[in-house]
Amino acid sequence: MNDIPGDLDFSGFTLRRLETGDREMVCRHREAMFLEAGGDAQNLRRMTQHFRPWLEPRLADGRYYGFVVLEGDAPAAAIGLMSIEWPPHPAHPAVDQRGYVLNVYVEPGYRRRGLASKLMRLGEAEFARRGLGFAILHATEAGRPLYQALGWAGTAEMAKGL
């Protein structure tokens, strides 16, 4: 890929953009991420049954985009990105979209090698390339220190299941 910022070194790995054929990997990573965060396995399988058909057209038309890091043919890590509609906001007063980071996952055997940090920086560069100067994510407890180290800050968001 020739649009990788020069200071990001993925030596020893292949980096490419997500493709439609990555659907099952994204589903597997998402389910594993939530399971590691303490999710209920049965509920997560149900989530994946509904996420899979949601994801497929979005991968196909580019509404869900991102990158995968491969060692040979095996995925080592991946990041999902979306440009989401959002009304102009004090953080982006002239833009009606913001970036959204989701499904950042590093396979257990590849952790502590800086892949998540590099993918996050690559995601930030991709948002900038698309004209998005503001992005959000929802962090697991395990991911929070990484995001904070990269300059991401907590927000005042609240949630309630209805």
N, C-alpha and C. Protein backbone atom coordinates (compact mmCIF):
# COMPACT_ATOMS: atom_id res chain seq x y z
N MET A 1 0.85 -1.19 0.00
CA MET A 1 0.00 0.00 0.00
C MET A 1 0.88 1.23 0.00
N ASN A 2 0.55 2.17 -0.84
CA ASN A 2 1.39 3.37 -0.93
C ASN A 2 0.83 4.55 -0.16
N ASP A 3 -0.29 4.37 0.55
CA ASP A 3 -0.85 5.49 1.31
C ASP A 3 -0.66 5.33 2.81
N ILE A 4 0.35 4.56 3.21
CA ILE A 4 0.68 4.38 4.62
C ILE A 4 1.61 5.51 5.03
N PRO A 5 1.29 6.20 6.14
CA PRO A 5 2.21 7.23 6.61
C PRO A 5 3.62 6.65 6.78
N GLY A 6 4.63 7.42 6.42
CA GLY A 6 6.00 6.95 6.39
C GLY A 6 6.56 6.45 7.71
N ASP A 7 5.98 6.89 8.83
CA ASP A 7 6.53 6.48 10.12
C ASP A 7 5.87 5.20 10.67
N LEU A 8 5.00 4.56 9.88
CA LEU A 8 4.37 3.32 10.31
C LEU A 8 5.03 2.15 9.60
N ASP A 9 5.69 1.31 10.37
CA ASP A 9 6.43 0.20 9.81
C ASP A 9 5.71 -1.11 10.12
N PHE A 10 5.21 -1.77 9.10
CA PHE A 10 4.57 -3.06 9.25
C PHE A 10 5.48 -4.16 8.70
N SER A 11 6.80 -3.99 8.84
CA SER A 11 7.76 -4.96 8.33
C SER A 11 7.45 -6.35 8.86
N GLY A 12 7.58 -7.34 7.98
CA GLY A 12 7.31 -8.72 8.35
C GLY A 12 5.86 -9.10 8.18
N PHE A 13 5.02 -8.13 7.88
CA PHE A 13 3.59 -8.36 7.70
C PHE A 13 3.15 -7.78 6.36
N THR A 14 2.00 -8.21 5.92
CA THR A 14 1.35 -7.60 4.76
C THR A 14 0.18 -6.80 5.30
N LEU A 15 0.04 -5.59 4.82
CA LEU A 15 -1.07 -4.72 5.21
C LEU A 15 -1.91 -4.49 3.97
N ARG A 16 -3.21 -4.63 4.12
CA ARG A 16 -4.09 -4.30 3.01
C ARG A 16 -5.42 -3.77 3.55
N ARG A 17 -6.17 -3.16 2.65
CA ARG A 17 -7.50 -2.68 2.99
C ARG A 17 -8.45 -3.87 3.14
N LEU A 18 -9.47 -3.70 3.97
CA LEU A 18 -10.48 -4.74 4.11
C LEU A 18 -11.19 -4.96 2.78
N GLU A 19 -11.57 -6.20 2.56
CA GLU A 19 -12.29 -6.60 1.35
C GLU A 19 -13.56 -7.35 1.75
N THR A 20 -14.46 -7.56 0.80
CA THR A 20 -15.70 -8.26 1.10
C THR A 20 -15.43 -9.67 1.63
N GLY A 21 -14.38 -10.31 1.18
CA GLY A 21 -14.03 -11.65 1.65
C GLY A 21 -13.56 -11.70 3.09
N ASP A 22 -13.41 -10.55 3.74
CA ASP A 22 -12.96 -10.49 5.13
C ASP A 22 -14.12 -10.55 6.12
N ARG A 23 -15.33 -10.72 5.62
CA ARG A 23 -16.51 -10.68 6.49
C ARG A 23 -16.39 -11.64 7.68
N GLU A 24 -16.03 -12.87 7.44
CA GLU A 24 -15.99 -13.85 8.53
C GLU A 24 -14.89 -13.52 9.54
N MET A 25 -13.76 -13.01 9.06
CA MET A 25 -12.69 -12.60 9.98
C MET A 25 -13.16 -11.46 10.86
N VAL A 26 -13.84 -10.47 10.28
CA VAL A 26 -14.34 -9.34 11.06
C VAL A 26 -15.34 -9.85 12.09
N CYS A 27 -16.22 -10.73 11.68
CA CYS A 27 -17.21 -11.30 12.63
C CYS A 27 -16.52 -12.04 13.76
N ARG A 28 -15.53 -12.85 13.41
CA ARG A 28 -14.80 -13.62 14.43
C ARG A 28 -14.06 -12.69 15.39
N HIS A 29 -13.39 -11.68 14.85
CA HIS A 29 -12.66 -10.72 15.70
C HIS A 29 -13.62 -9.98 16.62
N ARG A 30 -14.76 -9.55 16.09
CA ARG A 30 -15.73 -8.80 16.89
C ARG A 30 -16.25 -9.65 18.04
N GLU A 31 -16.61 -10.88 17.75
CA GLU A 31 -17.12 -11.77 18.79
C GLU A 31 -16.04 -12.05 19.83
N ALA A 32 -14.81 -12.31 19.40
CA ALA A 32 -13.71 -12.57 20.34
C ALA A 32 -13.43 -11.35 21.21
N MET A 33 -13.48 -10.16 20.62
CA MET A 33 -13.23 -8.93 21.36
C MET A 33 -14.24 -8.78 22.50
N PHE A 34 -15.53 -8.95 22.17
CA PHE A 34 -16.55 -8.81 23.20
C PHE A 34 -16.50 -9.95 24.22
N LEU A 35 -16.13 -11.14 23.81
CA LEU A 35 -15.99 -12.25 24.74
C LEU A 35 -14.86 -11.98 25.73
N GLU A 36 -13.73 -11.49 25.24
CA GLU A 36 -12.60 -11.15 26.11
C GLU A 36 -12.96 -10.01 27.06
N ALA A 37 -13.90 -9.17 26.67
CA ALA A 37 -14.33 -8.05 27.53
C ALA A 37 -15.38 -8.49 28.54
N GLY A 38 -15.70 -9.78 28.58
CA GLY A 38 -16.63 -10.29 29.57
C GLY A 38 -18.03 -10.57 29.05
N GLY A 39 -18.20 -10.55 27.75
CA GLY A 39 -19.52 -10.80 27.18
C GLY A 39 -19.97 -12.25 27.32
N ASP A 40 -21.26 -12.45 27.25
CA ASP A 40 -21.87 -13.77 27.32
C ASP A 40 -21.77 -14.45 25.94
N ALA A 41 -21.18 -15.64 25.89
CA ALA A 41 -20.91 -16.31 24.62
C ALA A 41 -22.18 -16.55 23.82
N GLN A 42 -23.25 -16.96 24.45
CA GLN A 42 -24.50 -17.23 23.74
C GLN A 42 -25.06 -15.94 23.14
N ASN A 43 -25.06 -14.88 23.91
CA ASN A 43 -25.54 -13.59 23.42
C ASN A 43 -24.66 -13.08 22.27
N LEU A 44 -23.35 -13.31 22.37
CA LEU A 44 -22.45 -12.84 21.32
C LEU A 44 -22.64 -13.62 20.02
N ARG A 45 -22.93 -14.92 20.12
CA ARG A 45 -23.23 -15.69 18.91
C ARG A 45 -24.49 -15.14 18.24
N ARG A 46 -25.47 -14.79 19.05
CA ARG A 46 -26.71 -14.19 18.52
C ARG A 46 -26.40 -12.84 17.85
N MET A 47 -25.55 -12.04 18.51
CA MET A 47 -25.15 -10.76 17.94
C MET A 47 -24.51 -10.97 16.57
N THR A 48 -23.61 -11.95 16.48
CA THR A 48 -22.90 -12.20 15.23
C THR A 48 -23.86 -12.64 14.13
N GLN A 49 -24.88 -13.41 14.47
CA GLN A 49 -25.88 -13.81 13.47
C GLN A 49 -26.55 -12.59 12.84
N HIS A 50 -26.70 -11.53 13.59
CA HIS A 50 -27.32 -10.31 13.07
C HIS A 50 -26.29 -9.33 12.51
N PHE A 51 -25.07 -9.40 13.04
CA PHE A 51 -24.01 -8.51 12.55
C PHE A 51 -23.57 -8.91 11.15
N ARG A 52 -23.45 -10.21 10.89
CA ARG A 52 -22.97 -10.72 9.60
C ARG A 52 -23.77 -10.14 8.42
N PRO A 53 -25.12 -10.24 8.41
CA PRO A 53 -25.86 -9.66 7.28
C PRO A 53 -25.85 -8.12 7.28
N TRP A 54 -25.63 -7.51 8.44
CA TRP A 54 -25.48 -6.05 8.49
C TRP A 54 -24.17 -5.65 7.82
N LEU A 55 -23.11 -6.41 8.10
CA LEU A 55 -21.77 -6.07 7.62
C LEU A 55 -21.61 -6.27 6.12
N GLU A 56 -22.17 -7.34 5.60
CA GLU A 56 -21.91 -7.72 4.20
C GLU A 56 -22.13 -6.59 3.20
N PRO A 57 -23.28 -5.92 3.17
CA PRO A 57 -23.43 -4.85 2.17
C PRO A 57 -22.53 -3.65 2.47
N ARG A 58 -22.21 -3.43 3.71
CA ARG A 58 -21.36 -2.29 4.07
C ARG A 58 -19.91 -2.51 3.66
N LEU A 59 -19.42 -3.74 3.75
CA LEU A 59 -18.10 -4.05 3.21
C LEU A 59 -18.11 -3.90 1.69
N ALA A 60 -19.19 -4.36 1.07
CA ALA A 60 -19.27 -4.33 -0.39
C ALA A 60 -19.30 -2.92 -0.95
N ASP A 61 -20.00 -2.01 -0.28
CA ASP A 61 -20.12 -0.66 -0.83
C ASP A 61 -19.17 0.37 -0.18
N GLY A 62 -18.36 -0.09 0.77
CA GLY A 62 -17.36 0.79 1.35
C GLY A 62 -17.82 1.60 2.55
N ARG A 63 -19.03 1.41 3.02
CA ARG A 63 -19.46 2.13 4.22
C ARG A 63 -18.72 1.63 5.46
N TYR A 64 -18.30 0.38 5.43
CA TYR A 64 -17.44 -0.18 6.47
C TYR A 64 -16.11 -0.44 5.77
N TYR A 65 -15.07 0.20 6.26
CA TYR A 65 -13.75 0.08 5.64
C TYR A 65 -12.72 -0.10 6.74
N GLY A 66 -11.51 -0.31 6.37
CA GLY A 66 -10.46 -0.48 7.37
C GLY A 66 -9.29 -1.24 6.79
N PHE A 67 -8.54 -1.87 7.69
CA PHE A 67 -7.30 -2.52 7.30
C PHE A 67 -7.13 -3.82 8.04
N VAL A 68 -6.40 -4.74 7.42
CA VAL A 68 -6.04 -6.01 8.06
C VAL A 68 -4.54 -6.19 7.90
N VAL A 69 -3.91 -6.67 8.96
CA VAL A 69 -2.50 -7.01 8.97
C VAL A 69 -2.41 -8.53 8.88
N LEU A 70 -1.65 -9.01 7.91
CA LEU A 70 -1.54 -10.44 7.68
C LEU A 70 -0.10 -10.92 7.86
N GLU A 71 0.02 -12.13 8.37
CA GLU A 71 1.30 -12.84 8.32
C GLU A 71 1.03 -14.03 7.42
N GLY A 72 1.58 -13.99 6.22
CA GLY A 72 1.19 -14.96 5.21
C GLY A 72 -0.26 -14.71 4.87
N ASP A 73 -1.08 -15.77 4.98
CA ASP A 73 -2.51 -15.62 4.74
C ASP A 73 -3.30 -15.46 6.02
N ALA A 74 -2.63 -15.52 7.16
CA ALA A 74 -3.32 -15.49 8.45
C ALA A 74 -3.45 -14.06 8.97
N PRO A 75 -4.68 -13.67 9.36
CA PRO A 75 -4.85 -12.33 9.93
C PRO A 75 -4.21 -12.24 11.32
N ALA A 76 -3.43 -11.19 11.52
CA ALA A 76 -2.81 -10.93 12.82
C ALA A 76 -3.58 -9.86 13.58
N ALA A 77 -4.14 -8.90 12.85
CA ALA A 77 -4.85 -7.78 13.48
C ALA A 77 -5.69 -7.09 12.42
N ALA A 78 -6.71 -6.37 12.89
CA ALA A 78 -7.54 -5.61 11.96
C ALA A 78 -8.20 -4.45 12.69
N ILE A 79 -8.65 -3.49 11.91
CA ILE A 79 -9.38 -2.34 12.42
C ILE A 79 -10.53 -2.04 11.46
N GLY A 80 -11.68 -1.74 12.02
CA GLY A 80 -12.82 -1.32 11.23
C GLY A 80 -13.03 0.18 11.39
N LEU A 81 -13.46 0.82 10.32
CA LEU A 81 -13.69 2.27 10.31
C LEU A 81 -14.99 2.56 9.59
N MET A 82 -15.65 3.61 10.02
CA MET A 82 -16.85 4.08 9.34
C MET A 82 -16.87 5.60 9.37
N SER A 83 -17.46 6.18 8.37
CA SER A 83 -17.76 7.61 8.36
C SER A 83 -19.25 7.69 8.65
N ILE A 84 -19.60 8.27 9.79
CA ILE A 84 -21.00 8.28 10.19
C ILE A 84 -21.57 9.69 10.14
N GLU A 85 -22.82 9.78 9.71
CA GLU A 85 -23.50 11.07 9.70
C GLU A 85 -23.68 11.54 11.13
N TRP A 86 -23.40 12.83 11.34
CA TRP A 86 -23.55 13.43 12.66
C TRP A 86 -23.78 14.91 12.43
N PRO A 87 -24.70 15.51 13.12
CA PRO A 87 -24.93 16.93 12.87
C PRO A 87 -23.69 17.75 13.22
N PRO A 88 -23.52 18.87 12.55
CA PRO A 88 -22.41 19.74 12.94
C PRO A 88 -22.43 19.93 14.46
N HIS A 89 -21.26 19.93 15.02
CA HIS A 89 -21.07 19.82 16.47
C HIS A 89 -19.92 20.74 16.87
N PRO A 90 -19.83 21.18 18.11
CA PRO A 90 -18.70 22.03 18.48
C PRO A 90 -17.33 21.44 18.14
N ALA A 91 -17.22 20.10 18.15
CA ALA A 91 -15.94 19.46 17.82
C ALA A 91 -15.68 19.42 16.31
N HIS A 92 -16.72 19.56 15.51
CA HIS A 92 -16.61 19.61 14.05
C HIS A 92 -17.76 20.47 13.51
N PRO A 93 -17.66 21.80 13.71
CA PRO A 93 -18.78 22.70 13.43
C PRO A 93 -19.18 22.84 11.96
N ALA A 94 -18.31 22.49 11.03
CA ALA A 94 -18.64 22.69 9.62
C ALA A 94 -18.76 21.37 8.86
N VAL A 95 -18.70 20.24 9.56
CA VAL A 95 -18.72 18.93 8.92
C VAL A 95 -19.86 18.11 9.50
N ASP A 96 -20.60 17.43 8.63
CA ASP A 96 -21.75 16.64 9.09
C ASP A 96 -21.44 15.14 9.19
N GLN A 97 -20.18 14.82 9.39
CA GLN A 97 -19.77 13.44 9.60
C GLN A 97 -18.65 13.40 10.62
N ARG A 98 -18.49 12.24 11.21
CA ARG A 98 -17.34 11.98 12.07
C ARG A 98 -16.87 10.56 11.81
N GLY A 99 -15.63 10.32 12.13
CA GLY A 99 -15.10 8.97 12.00
C GLY A 99 -15.53 8.12 13.18
N TYR A 100 -15.67 6.84 12.94
CA TYR A 100 -16.00 5.88 14.00
C TYR A 100 -15.08 4.68 13.86
N VAL A 101 -14.36 4.38 14.93
CA VAL A 101 -13.45 3.24 14.98
C VAL A 101 -14.16 2.11 15.70
N LEU A 102 -14.12 0.92 15.11
CA LEU A 102 -14.72 -0.23 15.77
C LEU A 102 -13.97 -1.50 15.40
N ASN A 103 -14.16 -2.49 16.23
CA ASN A 103 -13.61 -3.82 15.97
C ASN A 103 -12.09 -3.84 15.81
N VAL A 104 -11.40 -3.10 16.66
CA VAL A 104 -9.94 -3.19 16.69
C VAL A 104 -9.61 -4.49 17.43
N TYR A 105 -8.88 -5.36 16.75
CA TYR A 105 -8.58 -6.65 17.37
C TYR A 105 -7.23 -7.15 16.89
N VAL A 106 -6.45 -7.65 17.86
CA VAL A 106 -5.17 -8.27 17.58
C VAL A 106 -5.25 -9.71 18.08
N GLU A 107 -4.94 -10.64 17.19
CA GLU A 107 -4.93 -12.05 17.58
C GLU A 107 -3.96 -12.24 18.75
N PRO A 108 -4.31 -13.10 19.72
CA PRO A 108 -3.48 -13.26 20.93
C PRO A 108 -1.99 -13.48 20.66
N GLY A 109 -1.64 -14.26 19.67
CA GLY A 109 -0.23 -14.52 19.39
C GLY A 109 0.55 -13.35 18.82
N TYR A 110 -0.14 -12.26 18.51
CA TYR A 110 0.51 -11.09 17.90
C TYR A 110 0.46 -9.86 18.79
N ARG A 111 0.01 -10.02 19.99
CA ARG A 111 -0.12 -8.87 20.89
C ARG A 111 1.23 -8.41 21.41
N ARG A 112 1.24 -7.16 21.86
CA ARG A 112 2.44 -6.51 22.42
C ARG A 112 3.53 -6.30 21.37
N ARG A 113 3.12 -6.13 20.13
CA ARG A 113 4.06 -5.82 19.04
C ARG A 113 3.78 -4.46 18.42
N GLY A 114 2.83 -3.73 19.00
CA GLY A 114 2.51 -2.40 18.50
C GLY A 114 1.53 -2.38 17.33
N LEU A 115 0.94 -3.52 16.99
CA LEU A 115 0.04 -3.55 15.83
C LEU A 115 -1.21 -2.71 16.04
N ALA A 116 -1.81 -2.77 17.23
CA ALA A 116 -3.02 -1.98 17.48
C ALA A 116 -2.70 -0.48 17.38
N SER A 117 -1.59 -0.05 17.95
CA SER A 117 -1.21 1.37 17.87
C SER A 117 -1.01 1.80 16.43
N LYS A 118 -0.34 0.97 15.66
CA LYS A 118 -0.10 1.32 14.26
C LYS A 118 -1.41 1.36 13.48
N LEU A 119 -2.29 0.40 13.74
CA LEU A 119 -3.58 0.41 13.05
C LEU A 119 -4.40 1.64 13.43
N MET A 120 -4.35 2.03 14.69
CA MET A 120 -5.08 3.23 15.10
C MET A 120 -4.53 4.46 14.40
N ARG A 121 -3.22 4.58 14.32
CA ARG A 121 -2.62 5.74 13.64
C ARG A 121 -2.96 5.71 12.14
N LEU A 122 -2.99 4.51 11.57
CA LEU A 122 -3.37 4.38 10.17
C LEU A 122 -4.83 4.77 9.98
N GLY A 123 -5.69 4.37 10.92
CA GLY A 123 -7.10 4.76 10.87
C GLY A 123 -7.27 6.26 10.96
N GLU A 124 -6.52 6.90 11.84
CA GLU A 124 -6.58 8.35 11.96
C GLU A 124 -6.16 9.02 10.65
N ALA A 125 -5.11 8.49 10.02
CA ALA A 125 -4.66 9.03 8.74
C ALA A 125 -5.73 8.83 7.66
N GLU A 126 -6.43 7.70 7.70
CA GLU A 126 -7.48 7.45 6.72
C GLU A 126 -8.64 8.43 6.92
N PHE A 127 -9.00 8.69 8.17
CA PHE A 127 -10.05 9.68 8.42
C PHE A 127 -9.62 11.04 7.88
N ALA A 128 -8.39 11.43 8.15
CA ALA A 128 -7.90 12.72 7.66
C ALA A 128 -7.94 12.77 6.13
N ARG A 129 -7.56 11.68 5.49
CA ARG A 129 -7.59 11.60 4.03
C ARG A 129 -9.01 11.80 3.50
N ARG A 130 -9.99 11.36 4.28
CA ARG A 130 -11.40 11.49 3.89
C ARG A 130 -12.02 12.80 4.37
N GLY A 131 -11.21 13.68 4.96
CA GLY A 131 -11.71 14.99 5.39
C GLY A 131 -12.43 14.98 6.72
N LEU A 132 -12.22 13.95 7.51
CA LEU A 132 -12.84 13.86 8.83
C LEU A 132 -11.81 14.25 9.89
N GLY A 133 -12.09 15.31 10.60
CA GLY A 133 -11.15 15.79 11.61
C GLY A 133 -11.53 15.42 13.03
N PHE A 134 -12.56 14.59 13.19
CA PHE A 134 -13.02 14.20 14.52
C PHE A 134 -13.50 12.76 14.44
N ALA A 135 -13.14 11.96 15.43
CA ALA A 135 -13.54 10.55 15.43
C ALA A 135 -13.86 10.10 16.85
N ILE A 136 -14.66 9.06 16.93
CA ILE A 136 -15.05 8.48 18.21
C ILE A 136 -14.82 6.98 18.18
N LEU A 137 -14.81 6.40 19.36
CA LEU A 137 -14.75 4.95 19.52
C LEU A 137 -15.32 4.61 20.88
N HIS A 138 -15.65 3.36 21.07
CA HIS A 138 -16.06 2.85 22.37
C HIS A 138 -14.98 1.87 22.81
N ALA A 139 -14.37 2.14 23.94
CA ALA A 139 -13.21 1.38 24.39
C ALA A 139 -13.58 0.30 25.40
N THR A 140 -12.96 -0.87 25.24
CA THR A 140 -13.01 -1.86 26.30
C THR A 140 -12.00 -1.43 27.36
N GLU A 141 -12.11 -2.02 28.53
CA GLU A 141 -11.13 -1.69 29.58
C GLU A 141 -9.72 -2.03 29.12
N ALA A 142 -9.57 -3.15 28.40
CA ALA A 142 -8.24 -3.54 27.92
C ALA A 142 -7.70 -2.54 26.90
N GLY A 143 -8.57 -1.95 26.09
CA GLY A 143 -8.12 -1.03 25.06
C GLY A 143 -7.93 0.40 25.51
N ARG A 144 -8.57 0.77 26.62
CA ARG A 144 -8.53 2.17 27.07
C ARG A 144 -7.11 2.74 27.22
N PRO A 145 -6.16 2.04 27.85
CA PRO A 145 -4.81 2.62 27.98
C PRO A 145 -4.15 2.89 26.63
N LEU A 146 -4.36 2.02 25.67
CA LEU A 146 -3.81 2.23 24.34
C LEU A 146 -4.36 3.51 23.72
N TYR A 147 -5.68 3.66 23.77
CA TYR A 147 -6.29 4.83 23.15
C TYR A 147 -5.87 6.11 23.87
N GLN A 148 -5.80 6.07 25.18
CA GLN A 148 -5.36 7.25 25.93
C GLN A 148 -3.93 7.62 25.56
N ALA A 149 -3.07 6.62 25.42
CA ALA A 149 -1.67 6.89 25.04
C ALA A 149 -1.57 7.53 23.66
N LEU A 150 -2.55 7.29 22.81
CA LEU A 150 -2.57 7.87 21.47
C LEU A 150 -3.30 9.22 21.43
N GLY A 151 -3.71 9.72 22.60
CA GLY A 151 -4.32 11.04 22.67
C GLY A 151 -5.85 11.05 22.64
N TRP A 152 -6.48 9.90 22.67
CA TRP A 152 -7.93 9.84 22.72
C TRP A 152 -8.38 10.13 24.14
N ALA A 153 -9.47 10.89 24.27
CA ALA A 153 -9.98 11.29 25.57
C ALA A 153 -11.38 10.75 25.80
N GLY A 154 -11.71 10.51 27.06
CA GLY A 154 -13.06 10.10 27.42
C GLY A 154 -14.05 11.22 27.14
N THR A 155 -15.28 10.85 26.87
CA THR A 155 -16.32 11.85 26.62
C THR A 155 -17.43 11.70 27.66
N ALA A 156 -18.45 12.51 27.54
CA ALA A 156 -19.55 12.51 28.49
C ALA A 156 -20.71 11.61 28.04
N GLU A 157 -20.45 10.71 27.09
CA GLU A 157 -21.52 9.86 26.60
C GLU A 157 -22.08 8.96 27.69
N MET A 158 -23.37 8.75 27.62
CA MET A 158 -24.05 7.84 28.55
C MET A 158 -24.88 6.89 27.70
N ALA A 159 -25.30 5.76 28.27
CA ALA A 159 -26.09 4.80 27.53
C ALA A 159 -27.10 4.12 28.44
N LYS A 160 -28.15 3.61 27.82
CA LYS A 160 -29.17 2.85 28.54
C LYS A 160 -29.82 1.88 27.57
N GLY A 161 -29.88 0.62 27.94
CA GLY A 161 -30.60 -0.35 27.12
C GLY A 161 -32.09 -0.17 27.32
N LEU A 162 -32.85 -0.15 26.26
CA LEU A 162 -34.29 0.07 26.35
C LEU A 162 -35.06 -1.16 25.93
